[in-house]
Amino acid sequence: LSLGMVIWGVTRQTGSAVLWGALVLGAVNAGVAWWMNLNPRRLLQAAH
């Protein structure tokens, strides 16, 4: 969804609000991936 928002924000004549949303969503995703990287077993244990 974030990648789609970036593509849409760059190719269309929209304001920068779409790109701000894509940046926030991408940063949250990166933060969750970093959190998962700290202890990947935690994710598997929660799923189990």
ModelCIF file with pLDDT and N, C-alpha, C, O atoms, coordinates in Angstrom:
data_MODEL
#
_entry.id   MODEL 
#
_entity.id                         1 
_entity.type                       polymer 
_entity.pdbx_number_of_molecules   1 
#
_entity_poly.entity_id                      1 
_entity_poly.type                           'polypeptide(L)' 
_entity_poly.nstd_linkage                   no 
_entity_poly.nstd_monomer                   no 
_entity_poly.pdbx_seq_one_letter_code       LSLGMVIWGVTRQTGSAVLWGALVLGAVNAGVAWWMNLNPRRLLQAAH 
_entity_poly.pdbx_seq_one_letter_code_can   LSLGMVIWGVTRQTGSAVLWGALVLGAVNAGVAWWMNLNPRRLLQAAH 
_entity_poly.pdbx_strand_id                 A 
#
loop_
_entity_poly_seq.entity_id 
_entity_poly_seq.num 
_entity_poly_seq.mon_id 
_entity_poly_seq.hetero 
1 1  LEU n 
1 2  SER n 
1 3  LEU n 
1 4  GLY n 
1 5  MET n 
1 6  VAL n 
1 7  ILE n 
1 8  TRP n 
1 9  GLY n 
1 10 VAL n 
1 11 THR n 
1 12 ARG n 
1 13 GLN n 
1 14 THR n 
1 15 GLY n 
1 16 SER n 
1 17 ALA n 
1 18 VAL n 
1 19 LEU n 
1 20 TRP n 
1 21 GLY n 
1 22 ALA n 
1 23 LEU n 
1 24 VAL n 
1 25 LEU n 
1 26 GLY n 
1 27 ALA n 
1 28 VAL n 
1 29 ASN n 
1 30 ALA n 
1 31 GLY n 
1 32 VAL n 
1 33 ALA n 
1 34 TRP n 
1 35 TRP n 
1 36 MET n 
1 37 ASN n 
1 38 LEU n 
1 39 ASN n 
1 40 PRO n 
1 41 ARG n 
1 42 ARG n 
1 43 LEU n 
1 44 LEU n 
1 45 GLN n 
1 46 ALA n 
1 47 ALA n 
1 48 HIS n 
#
_struct_asym.id          A 
_struct_asym.entity_id   1 
#
loop_
_ma_qa_metric.id 
_ma_qa_metric.mode 
_ma_qa_metric.name 
_ma_qa_metric.software_group_id 
_ma_qa_metric.type 
1 global pLDDT . pLDDT 
2 local  pLDDT . pLDDT 
#
_ma_qa_metric_global.metric_id      1 
_ma_qa_metric_global.metric_value   89.75 
_ma_qa_metric_global.model_id       1 
_ma_qa_metric_global.ordinal_id     1 
#
loop_
_ma_qa_metric_local.label_asym_id 
_ma_qa_metric_local.label_comp_id 
_ma_qa_metric_local.label_seq_id 
_ma_qa_metric_local.metric_id 
_ma_qa_metric_local.metric_value 
_ma_qa_metric_local.model_id 
_ma_qa_metric_local.ordinal_id 
A LEU 1  2 96.00 1 1  
A SER 2  2 95.00 1 2  
A LEU 3  2 95.00 1 3  
A GLY 4  2 95.00 1 4  
A MET 5  2 94.00 1 5  
A VAL 6  2 94.00 1 6  
A ILE 7  2 94.00 1 7  
A TRP 8  2 94.00 1 8  
A GLY 9  2 92.00 1 9  
A VAL 10 2 91.00 1 10 
A THR 11 2 91.00 1 11 
A ARG 12 2 87.00 1 12 
A GLN 13 2 85.00 1 13 
A THR 14 2 82.00 1 14 
A GLY 15 2 82.00 1 15 
A SER 16 2 88.00 1 16 
A ALA 17 2 91.00 1 17 
A VAL 18 2 93.00 1 18 
A LEU 19 2 93.00 1 19 
A TRP 20 2 94.00 1 20 
A GLY 21 2 94.00 1 21 
A ALA 22 2 95.00 1 22 
A LEU 23 2 95.00 1 23 
A VAL 24 2 96.00 1 24 
A LEU 25 2 95.00 1 25 
A GLY 26 2 94.00 1 26 
A ALA 27 2 96.00 1 27 
A VAL 28 2 95.00 1 28 
A ASN 29 2 95.00 1 29 
A ALA 30 2 95.00 1 30 
A GLY 31 2 95.00 1 31 
A VAL 32 2 93.00 1 32 
A ALA 33 2 93.00 1 33 
A TRP 34 2 94.00 1 34 
A TRP 35 2 92.00 1 35 
A MET 36 2 90.00 1 36 
A ASN 37 2 91.00 1 37 
A LEU 38 2 91.00 1 38 
A ASN 39 2 88.00 1 39 
A PRO 40 2 85.00 1 40 
A ARG 41 2 84.00 1 41 
A ARG 42 2 82.00 1 42 
A LEU 43 2 80.00 1 43 
A LEU 44 2 80.00 1 44 
A GLN 45 2 80.00 1 45 
A ALA 46 2 74.00 1 46 
A ALA 47 2 70.00 1 47 
A HIS 48 2 70.00 1 48 
#
loop_
_atom_site.group_PDB 
_atom_site.id 
_atom_site.type_symbol 
_atom_site.label_atom_id 
_atom_site.label_alt_id 
_atom_site.label_comp_id 
_atom_site.label_asym_id 
_atom_site.label_entity_id 
_atom_site.label_seq_id 
_atom_site.pdbx_PDB_ins_code 
_atom_site.Cartn_x 
_atom_site.Cartn_y 
_atom_site.Cartn_z 
_atom_site.occupancy 
_atom_site.B_iso_or_equiv 
_atom_site.pdbx_formal_charge 
_atom_site.auth_seq_id 
_atom_site.auth_comp_id 
_atom_site.auth_asym_id 
_atom_site.auth_atom_id 
_atom_site.pdbx_PDB_model_num 
ATOM 1   N N  . LEU A 1 1  ? 0.840  -1.203  0.000   1.00 96.00 ? 1  LEU A N  1 
ATOM 2   C CA . LEU A 1 1  ? 0.000  0.000   0.000   1.00 96.00 ? 1  LEU A CA 1 
ATOM 3   C C  . LEU A 1 1  ? 0.876  1.254   0.000   1.00 96.00 ? 1  LEU A C  1 
ATOM 4   O O  . LEU A 1 1  ? 0.592  2.210   -0.721  1.00 96.00 ? 1  LEU A O  1 
ATOM 5   N N  . SER A 1 2  ? 1.927  1.252   0.797   1.00 95.00 ? 2  SER A N  1 
ATOM 6   C CA . SER A 1 2  ? 2.844  2.388   0.839   1.00 95.00 ? 2  SER A CA 1 
ATOM 7   C C  . SER A 1 2  ? 3.537  2.583   -0.507  1.00 95.00 ? 2  SER A C  1 
ATOM 8   O O  . SER A 1 2  ? 3.679  3.712   -0.977  1.00 95.00 ? 2  SER A O  1 
ATOM 9   N N  . LEU A 1 3  ? 3.967  1.486   -1.127  1.00 95.00 ? 3  LEU A N  1 
ATOM 10  C CA . LEU A 1 3  ? 4.589  1.585   -2.442  1.00 95.00 ? 3  LEU A CA 1 
ATOM 11  C C  . LEU A 1 3  ? 3.613  2.129   -3.477  1.00 95.00 ? 3  LEU A C  1 
ATOM 12  O O  . LEU A 1 3  ? 3.987  2.945   -4.319  1.00 95.00 ? 3  LEU A O  1 
ATOM 13  N N  . GLY A 1 4  ? 2.365  1.679   -3.416  1.00 95.00 ? 4  GLY A N  1 
ATOM 14  C CA . GLY A 1 4  ? 1.345  2.206   -4.317  1.00 95.00 ? 4  GLY A CA 1 
ATOM 15  C C  . GLY A 1 4  ? 1.091  3.692   -4.102  1.00 95.00 ? 4  GLY A C  1 
ATOM 16  O O  . GLY A 1 4  ? 0.873  4.440   -5.056  1.00 95.00 ? 4  GLY A O  1 
ATOM 17  N N  . MET A 1 5  ? 1.121  4.112   -2.842  1.00 94.00 ? 5  MET A N  1 
ATOM 18  C CA . MET A 1 5  ? 0.936  5.537   -2.554  1.00 94.00 ? 5  MET A CA 1 
ATOM 19  C C  . MET A 1 5  ? 2.098  6.363   -3.098  1.00 94.00 ? 5  MET A C  1 
ATOM 20  O O  . MET A 1 5  ? 1.894  7.474   -3.587  1.00 94.00 ? 5  MET A O  1 
ATOM 21  N N  . VAL A 1 6  ? 3.311  5.827   -3.016  1.00 94.00 ? 6  VAL A N  1 
ATOM 22  C CA . VAL A 1 6  ? 4.466  6.545   -3.570  1.00 94.00 ? 6  VAL A CA 1 
ATOM 23  C C  . VAL A 1 6  ? 4.323  6.680   -5.084  1.00 94.00 ? 6  VAL A C  1 
ATOM 24  O O  . VAL A 1 6  ? 4.529  7.757   -5.643  1.00 94.00 ? 6  VAL A O  1 
ATOM 25  N N  . ILE A 1 7  ? 3.973  5.586   -5.733  1.00 94.00 ? 7  ILE A N  1 
ATOM 26  C CA . ILE A 1 7  ? 3.815  5.626   -7.189  1.00 94.00 ? 7  ILE A CA 1 
ATOM 27  C C  . ILE A 1 7  ? 2.707  6.596   -7.585  1.00 94.00 ? 7  ILE A C  1 
ATOM 28  O O  . ILE A 1 7  ? 2.851  7.365   -8.535  1.00 94.00 ? 7  ILE A O  1 
ATOM 29  N N  . TRP A 1 8  ? 1.605  6.551   -6.850  1.00 94.00 ? 8  TRP A N  1 
ATOM 30  C CA . TRP A 1 8  ? 0.500  7.445   -7.162  1.00 94.00 ? 8  TRP A CA 1 
ATOM 31  C C  . TRP A 1 8  ? 0.883  8.902   -6.907  1.00 94.00 ? 8  TRP A C  1 
ATOM 32  O O  . TRP A 1 8  ? 0.548  9.780   -7.703  1.00 94.00 ? 8  TRP A O  1 
ATOM 33  N N  . GLY A 1 9  ? 1.574  9.160   -5.817  1.00 92.00 ? 9  GLY A N  1 
ATOM 34  C CA . GLY A 1 9  ? 1.955  10.533  -5.484  1.00 92.00 ? 9  GLY A CA 1 
ATOM 35  C C  . GLY A 1 9  ? 2.968  11.117  -6.454  1.00 92.00 ? 9  GLY A C  1 
ATOM 36  O O  . GLY A 1 9  ? 2.990  12.328  -6.676  1.00 92.00 ? 9  GLY A O  1 
ATOM 37  N N  . VAL A 1 10 ? 3.808  10.263  -7.034  1.00 91.00 ? 10 VAL A N  1 
ATOM 38  C CA . VAL A 1 10 ? 4.824  10.755  -7.963  1.00 91.00 ? 10 VAL A CA 1 
ATOM 39  C C  . VAL A 1 10 ? 4.254  10.939  -9.363  1.00 91.00 ? 10 VAL A C  1 
ATOM 40  O O  . VAL A 1 10 ? 4.608  11.897  -10.050 1.00 91.00 ? 10 VAL A O  1 
ATOM 41  N N  . THR A 1 11 ? 3.378  10.038  -9.795  1.00 91.00 ? 11 THR A N  1 
ATOM 42  C CA . THR A 1 11 ? 2.879  10.100  -11.167 1.00 91.00 ? 11 THR A CA 1 
ATOM 43  C C  . THR A 1 11 ? 1.692  11.039  -11.347 1.00 91.00 ? 11 THR A C  1 
ATOM 44  O O  . THR A 1 11 ? 1.445  11.497  -12.463 1.00 91.00 ? 11 THR A O  1 
ATOM 45  N N  . ARG A 1 12 ? 0.967  11.331  -10.309 1.00 87.00 ? 12 ARG A N  1 
ATOM 46  C CA . ARG A 1 12 ? -0.207 12.206  -10.420 1.00 87.00 ? 12 ARG A CA 1 
ATOM 47  C C  . ARG A 1 12 ? 0.145  13.617  -9.951  1.00 87.00 ? 12 ARG A C  1 
ATOM 48  O O  . ARG A 1 12 ? 1.137  13.826  -9.253  1.00 87.00 ? 12 ARG A O  1 
ATOM 49  N N  . GLN A 1 13 ? -0.661 14.549  -10.337 1.00 85.00 ? 13 GLN A N  1 
ATOM 50  C CA . GLN A 1 13 ? -0.503 15.941  -9.901  1.00 85.00 ? 13 GLN A CA 1 
ATOM 51  C C  . GLN A 1 13 ? -1.293 16.150  -8.614  1.00 85.00 ? 13 GLN A C  1 
ATOM 52  O O  . GLN A 1 13 ? -2.265 16.905  -8.577  1.00 85.00 ? 13 GLN A O  1 
ATOM 53  N N  . THR A 1 14 ? -0.858 15.472  -7.572  1.00 82.00 ? 14 THR A N  1 
ATOM 54  C CA . THR A 1 14 ? -1.507 15.617  -6.265  1.00 82.00 ? 14 THR A CA 1 
ATOM 55  C C  . THR A 1 14 ? -0.588 16.408  -5.353  1.00 82.00 ? 14 THR A C  1 
ATOM 56  O O  . THR A 1 14 ? 0.558  16.702  -5.692  1.00 82.00 ? 14 THR A O  1 
ATOM 57  N N  . GLY A 1 15 ? -1.107 16.736  -4.215  1.00 82.00 ? 15 GLY A N  1 
ATOM 58  C CA . GLY A 1 15 ? -0.271 17.404  -3.226  1.00 82.00 ? 15 GLY A CA 1 
ATOM 59  C C  . GLY A 1 15 ? 0.687  16.408  -2.594  1.00 82.00 ? 15 GLY A C  1 
ATOM 60  O O  . GLY A 1 15 ? 0.752  15.244  -2.990  1.00 82.00 ? 15 GLY A O  1 
ATOM 61  N N  . SER A 1 16 ? 1.414  16.878  -1.627  1.00 88.00 ? 16 SER A N  1 
ATOM 62  C CA . SER A 1 16 ? 2.390  16.007  -0.987  1.00 88.00 ? 16 SER A CA 1 
ATOM 63  C C  . SER A 1 16 ? 1.775  15.182  0.146   1.00 88.00 ? 16 SER A C  1 
ATOM 64  O O  . SER A 1 16 ? 2.484  14.417  0.799   1.00 88.00 ? 16 SER A O  1 
ATOM 65  N N  . ALA A 1 17 ? 0.470  15.324  0.389   1.00 91.00 ? 17 ALA A N  1 
ATOM 66  C CA . ALA A 1 17 ? -0.167 14.589  1.488   1.00 91.00 ? 17 ALA A CA 1 
ATOM 67  C C  . ALA A 1 17 ? -0.115 13.089  1.268   1.00 91.00 ? 17 ALA A C  1 
ATOM 68  O O  . ALA A 1 17 ? 0.047  12.332  2.225   1.00 91.00 ? 17 ALA A O  1 
ATOM 69  N N  . VAL A 1 18 ? -0.249 12.646  0.027   1.00 93.00 ? 18 VAL A N  1 
ATOM 70  C CA . VAL A 1 18 ? -0.177 11.209  -0.266  1.00 93.00 ? 18 VAL A CA 1 
ATOM 71  C C  . VAL A 1 18 ? 1.213  10.679  0.070   1.00 93.00 ? 18 VAL A C  1 
ATOM 72  O O  . VAL A 1 18 ? 1.352  9.583   0.613   1.00 93.00 ? 18 VAL A O  1 
ATOM 73  N N  . LEU A 1 19 ? 2.234  11.458  -0.254  1.00 93.00 ? 19 LEU A N  1 
ATOM 74  C CA . LEU A 1 19 ? 3.599  11.026  0.025   1.00 93.00 ? 19 LEU A CA 1 
ATOM 75  C C  . LEU A 1 19 ? 3.915  11.077  1.519   1.00 93.00 ? 19 LEU A C  1 
ATOM 76  O O  . LEU A 1 19 ? 4.689  10.260  2.016   1.00 93.00 ? 19 LEU A O  1 
ATOM 77  N N  . TRP A 1 20 ? 3.324  12.026  2.231   1.00 94.00 ? 20 TRP A N  1 
ATOM 78  C CA . TRP A 1 20 ? 3.498  12.045  3.685   1.00 94.00 ? 20 TRP A CA 1 
ATOM 79  C C  . TRP A 1 20 ? 2.908  10.768  4.285   1.00 94.00 ? 20 TRP A C  1 
ATOM 80  O O  . TRP A 1 20 ? 3.512  10.155  5.165   1.00 94.00 ? 20 TRP A O  1 
ATOM 81  N N  . GLY A 1 21 ? 1.727  10.372  3.807   1.00 94.00 ? 21 GLY A N  1 
ATOM 82  C CA . GLY A 1 21 ? 1.109  9.136   4.287   1.00 94.00 ? 21 GLY A CA 1 
ATOM 83  C C  . GLY A 1 21 ? 1.950  7.917   3.956   1.00 94.00 ? 21 GLY A C  1 
ATOM 84  O O  . GLY A 1 21 ? 2.091  7.011   4.777   1.00 94.00 ? 21 GLY A O  1 
ATOM 85  N N  . ALA A 1 22 ? 2.510  7.895   2.753   1.00 95.00 ? 22 ALA A N  1 
ATOM 86  C CA . ALA A 1 22 ? 3.372  6.780   2.363   1.00 95.00 ? 22 ALA A CA 1 
ATOM 87  C C  . ALA A 1 22 ? 4.625  6.729   3.233   1.00 95.00 ? 22 ALA A C  1 
ATOM 88  O O  . ALA A 1 22 ? 5.093  5.647   3.589   1.00 95.00 ? 22 ALA A O  1 
ATOM 89  N N  . LEU A 1 23 ? 5.161  7.884   3.572   1.00 95.00 ? 23 LEU A N  1 
ATOM 90  C CA . LEU A 1 23 ? 6.345  7.925   4.423   1.00 95.00 ? 23 LEU A CA 1 
ATOM 91  C C  . LEU A 1 23 ? 6.035  7.420   5.824   1.00 95.00 ? 23 LEU A C  1 
ATOM 92  O O  . LEU A 1 23 ? 6.815  6.658   6.395   1.00 95.00 ? 23 LEU A O  1 
ATOM 93  N N  . VAL A 1 24 ? 4.916  7.832   6.377   1.00 96.00 ? 24 VAL A N  1 
ATOM 94  C CA . VAL A 1 24 ? 4.538  7.377   7.724   1.00 96.00 ? 24 VAL A CA 1 
ATOM 95  C C  . VAL A 1 24 ? 4.294  5.868   7.715   1.00 96.00 ? 24 VAL A C  1 
ATOM 96  O O  . VAL A 1 24 ? 4.762  5.157   8.604   1.00 96.00 ? 24 VAL A O  1 
ATOM 97  N N  . LEU A 1 25 ? 3.575  5.387   6.731   1.00 95.00 ? 25 LEU A N  1 
ATOM 98  C CA . LEU A 1 25 ? 3.297  3.960   6.638   1.00 95.00 ? 25 LEU A CA 1 
ATOM 99  C C  . LEU A 1 25 ? 4.581  3.152   6.429   1.00 95.00 ? 25 LEU A C  1 
ATOM 100 O O  . LEU A 1 25 ? 4.751  2.091   7.030   1.00 95.00 ? 25 LEU A O  1 
ATOM 101 N N  . GLY A 1 26 ? 5.470  3.645   5.591   1.00 94.00 ? 26 GLY A N  1 
ATOM 102 C CA . GLY A 1 26 ? 6.744  2.971   5.379   1.00 94.00 ? 26 GLY A CA 1 
ATOM 103 C C  . GLY A 1 26 ? 7.605  2.968   6.630   1.00 94.00 ? 26 GLY A C  1 
ATOM 104 O O  . GLY A 1 26 ? 8.270  1.975   6.923   1.00 94.00 ? 26 GLY A O  1 
ATOM 105 N N  . ALA A 1 27 ? 7.600  4.067   7.371   1.00 96.00 ? 27 ALA A N  1 
ATOM 106 C CA . ALA A 1 27 ? 8.389  4.136   8.610   1.00 96.00 ? 27 ALA A CA 1 
ATOM 107 C C  . ALA A 1 27 ? 7.833  3.189   9.665   1.00 96.00 ? 27 ALA A C  1 
ATOM 108 O O  . ALA A 1 27 ? 8.599  2.550   10.386  1.00 96.00 ? 27 ALA A O  1 
ATOM 109 N N  . VAL A 1 28 ? 6.517  3.091   9.762   1.00 95.00 ? 28 VAL A N  1 
ATOM 110 C CA . VAL A 1 28 ? 5.920  2.146   10.717  1.00 95.00 ? 28 VAL A CA 1 
ATOM 111 C C  . VAL A 1 28 ? 6.269  0.714   10.326  1.00 95.00 ? 28 VAL A C  1 
ATOM 112 O O  . VAL A 1 28 ? 6.603  -0.098  11.189  1.00 95.00 ? 28 VAL A O  1 
ATOM 113 N N  . ASN A 1 29 ? 6.196  0.398   9.033   1.00 95.00 ? 29 ASN A N  1 
ATOM 114 C CA . ASN A 1 29 ? 6.571  -0.943  8.576   1.00 95.00 ? 29 ASN A CA 1 
ATOM 115 C C  . ASN A 1 29 ? 8.033  -1.242  8.883   1.00 95.00 ? 29 ASN A C  1 
ATOM 116 O O  . ASN A 1 29 ? 8.363  -2.341  9.328   1.00 95.00 ? 29 ASN A O  1 
ATOM 117 N N  . ALA A 1 30 ? 8.902  -0.279  8.649   1.00 95.00 ? 30 ALA A N  1 
ATOM 118 C CA . ALA A 1 30 ? 10.325 -0.478  8.934   1.00 95.00 ? 30 ALA A CA 1 
ATOM 119 C C  . ALA A 1 30 ? 10.548 -0.674  10.429  1.00 95.00 ? 30 ALA A C  1 
ATOM 120 O O  . ALA A 1 30 ? 11.379 -1.489  10.830  1.00 95.00 ? 30 ALA A O  1 
ATOM 121 N N  . GLY A 1 31 ? 9.814  0.065   11.253  1.00 95.00 ? 31 GLY A N  1 
ATOM 122 C CA . GLY A 1 31 ? 9.924  -0.101  12.695  1.00 95.00 ? 31 GLY A CA 1 
ATOM 123 C C  . GLY A 1 31 ? 9.460  -1.474  13.166  1.00 95.00 ? 31 GLY A C  1 
ATOM 124 O O  . GLY A 1 31 ? 10.077 -2.070  14.049  1.00 95.00 ? 31 GLY A O  1 
ATOM 125 N N  . VAL A 1 32 ? 8.392  -1.970  12.589  1.00 93.00 ? 32 VAL A N  1 
ATOM 126 C CA . VAL A 1 32 ? 7.908  -3.305  12.950  1.00 93.00 ? 32 VAL A CA 1 
ATOM 127 C C  . VAL A 1 32 ? 8.896  -4.373  12.491  1.00 93.00 ? 32 VAL A C  1 
ATOM 128 O O  . VAL A 1 32 ? 9.131  -5.347  13.206  1.00 93.00 ? 32 VAL A O  1 
ATOM 129 N N  . ALA A 1 33 ? 9.474  -4.198  11.308  1.00 93.00 ? 33 ALA A N  1 
ATOM 130 C CA . ALA A 1 33 ? 10.478 -5.154  10.827  1.00 93.00 ? 33 ALA A CA 1 
ATOM 131 C C  . ALA A 1 33 ? 11.716 -5.134  11.725  1.00 93.00 ? 33 ALA A C  1 
ATOM 132 O O  . ALA A 1 33 ? 12.295 -6.182  12.012  1.00 93.00 ? 33 ALA A O  1 
ATOM 133 N N  . TRP A 1 34 ? 12.114 -3.955  12.162  1.00 94.00 ? 34 TRP A N  1 
ATOM 134 C CA . TRP A 1 34 ? 13.249 -3.858  13.080  1.00 94.00 ? 34 TRP A CA 1 
ATOM 135 C C  . TRP A 1 34 ? 12.930 -4.532  14.404  1.00 94.00 ? 34 TRP A C  1 
ATOM 136 O O  . TRP A 1 34 ? 13.779 -5.227  14.962  1.00 94.00 ? 34 TRP A O  1 
ATOM 137 N N  . TRP A 1 35 ? 11.711 -4.337  14.918  1.00 92.00 ? 35 TRP A N  1 
ATOM 138 C CA . TRP A 1 35 ? 11.286 -4.958  16.165  1.00 92.00 ? 35 TRP A CA 1 
ATOM 139 C C  . TRP A 1 35 ? 11.280 -6.483  16.024  1.00 92.00 ? 35 TRP A C  1 
ATOM 140 O O  . TRP A 1 35 ? 11.685 -7.195  16.943  1.00 92.00 ? 35 TRP A O  1 
ATOM 141 N N  . MET A 1 36 ? 10.820 -6.981  14.872  1.00 90.00 ? 36 MET A N  1 
ATOM 142 C CA . MET A 1 36 ? 10.844 -8.422  14.637  1.00 90.00 ? 36 MET A CA 1 
ATOM 143 C C  . MET A 1 36 ? 12.272 -8.940  14.574  1.00 90.00 ? 36 MET A C  1 
ATOM 144 O O  . MET A 1 36 ? 12.531 -10.073 14.980  1.00 90.00 ? 36 MET A O  1 
ATOM 145 N N  . ASN A 1 37 ? 13.194 -8.145  14.078  1.00 91.00 ? 37 ASN A N  1 
ATOM 146 C CA . ASN A 1 37 ? 14.579 -8.550  13.949  1.00 91.00 ? 37 ASN A CA 1 
ATOM 147 C C  . ASN A 1 37 ? 15.259 -8.671  15.313  1.00 91.00 ? 37 ASN A C  1 
ATOM 148 O O  . ASN A 1 37 ? 16.229 -9.417  15.450  1.00 91.00 ? 37 ASN A O  1 
ATOM 149 N N  . LEU A 1 38 ? 14.770 -7.957  16.314  1.00 91.00 ? 38 LEU A N  1 
ATOM 150 C CA . LEU A 1 38 ? 15.370 -8.041  17.638  1.00 91.00 ? 38 LEU A CA 1 
ATOM 151 C C  . LEU A 1 38 ? 15.250 -9.441  18.224  1.00 91.00 ? 38 LEU A C  1 
ATOM 152 O O  . LEU A 1 38 ? 16.209 -9.955  18.800  1.00 91.00 ? 38 LEU A O  1 
ATOM 153 N N  . ASN A 1 39 ? 14.095 -10.058 18.086  1.00 88.00 ? 39 ASN A N  1 
ATOM 154 C CA . ASN A 1 39 ? 13.882 -11.411 18.595  1.00 88.00 ? 39 ASN A CA 1 
ATOM 155 C C  . ASN A 1 39 ? 12.862 -12.107 17.689  1.00 88.00 ? 39 ASN A C  1 
ATOM 156 O O  . ASN A 1 39 ? 11.664 -12.039 17.962  1.00 88.00 ? 39 ASN A O  1 
ATOM 157 N N  . PRO A 1 40 ? 13.302 -12.766 16.631  1.00 85.00 ? 40 PRO A N  1 
ATOM 158 C CA . PRO A 1 40 ? 12.354 -13.379 15.707  1.00 85.00 ? 40 PRO A CA 1 
ATOM 159 C C  . PRO A 1 40 ? 11.572 -14.537 16.321  1.00 85.00 ? 40 PRO A C  1 
ATOM 160 O O  . PRO A 1 40 ? 10.470 -14.847 15.868  1.00 85.00 ? 40 PRO A O  1 
ATOM 161 N N  . ARG A 1 41 ? 12.122 -15.170 17.332  1.00 84.00 ? 41 ARG A N  1 
ATOM 162 C CA . ARG A 1 41 ? 11.402 -16.276 17.977  1.00 84.00 ? 41 ARG A CA 1 
ATOM 163 C C  . ARG A 1 41 ? 10.132 -15.785 18.672  1.00 84.00 ? 41 ARG A C  1 
ATOM 164 O O  . ARG A 1 41 ? 9.166  -16.535 18.804  1.00 84.00 ? 41 ARG A O  1 
ATOM 165 N N  . ARG A 1 42 ? 10.135 -14.540 19.111  1.00 82.00 ? 42 ARG A N  1 
ATOM 166 C CA . ARG A 1 42 ? 8.962  -13.963 19.779  1.00 82.00 ? 42 ARG A CA 1 
ATOM 167 C C  . ARG A 1 42 ? 7.752  -13.998 18.847  1.00 82.00 ? 42 ARG A C  1 
ATOM 168 O O  . ARG A 1 42 ? 6.632  -14.262 19.285  1.00 82.00 ? 42 ARG A O  1 
ATOM 169 N N  . LEU A 1 43 ? 7.980  -13.735 17.580  1.00 80.00 ? 43 LEU A N  1 
ATOM 170 C CA . LEU A 1 43 ? 6.895  -13.752 16.597  1.00 80.00 ? 43 LEU A CA 1 
ATOM 171 C C  . LEU A 1 43 ? 6.371  -15.172 16.418  1.00 80.00 ? 43 LEU A C  1 
ATOM 172 O O  . LEU A 1 43 ? 5.160  -15.386 16.360  1.00 80.00 ? 43 LEU A O  1 
ATOM 173 N N  . LEU A 1 44 ? 7.274  -16.138 16.330  1.00 80.00 ? 44 LEU A N  1 
ATOM 174 C CA . LEU A 1 44 ? 6.842  -17.524 16.163  1.00 80.00 ? 44 LEU A CA 1 
ATOM 175 C C  . LEU A 1 44 ? 6.146  -18.051 17.412  1.00 80.00 ? 44 LEU A C  1 
ATOM 176 O O  . LEU A 1 44 ? 5.180  -18.807 17.310  1.00 80.00 ? 44 LEU A O  1 
ATOM 177 N N  . GLN A 1 45 ? 6.629  -17.657 18.593  1.00 80.00 ? 45 GLN A N  1 
ATOM 178 C CA . GLN A 1 45 ? 5.991  -18.102 19.826  1.00 80.00 ? 45 GLN A CA 1 
ATOM 179 C C  . GLN A 1 45 ? 4.596  -17.514 19.965  1.00 80.00 ? 45 GLN A C  1 
ATOM 180 O O  . GLN A 1 45 ? 3.679  -18.194 20.426  1.00 80.00 ? 45 GLN A O  1 
ATOM 181 N N  . ALA A 1 46 ? 4.430  -16.263 19.573  1.00 74.00 ? 46 ALA A N  1 
ATOM 182 C CA . ALA A 1 46 ? 3.104  -15.640 19.633  1.00 74.00 ? 46 ALA A CA 1 
ATOM 183 C C  . ALA A 1 46 ? 2.143  -16.326 18.663  1.00 74.00 ? 46 ALA A C  1 
ATOM 184 O O  . ALA A 1 46 ? 0.973  -16.534 18.987  1.00 74.00 ? 46 ALA A O  1 
ATOM 185 N N  . ALA A 1 47 ? 2.634  -16.676 17.481  1.00 70.00 ? 47 ALA A N  1 
ATOM 186 C CA . ALA A 1 47 ? 1.786  -17.372 16.512  1.00 70.00 ? 47 ALA A CA 1 
ATOM 187 C C  . ALA A 1 47 ? 1.454  -18.778 17.009  1.00 70.00 ? 47 ALA A C  1 
ATOM 188 O O  . ALA A 1 47 ? 0.345  -19.269 16.799  1.00 70.00 ? 47 ALA A O  1 
ATOM 189 N N  . HIS A 1 48 ? 2.407  -19.415 17.659  1.00 70.00 ? 48 HIS A N  1 
ATOM 190 C CA . HIS A 1 48 ? 2.171  -20.760 18.187  1.00 70.00 ? 48 HIS A CA 1 
ATOM 191 C C  . HIS A 1 48 ? 1.162  -20.734 19.326  1.00 70.00 ? 48 HIS A C  1 
ATOM 192 O O  . HIS A 1 48 ? 0.842  -21.779 19.892  1.00 70.00 ? 48 HIS A O  1 
#
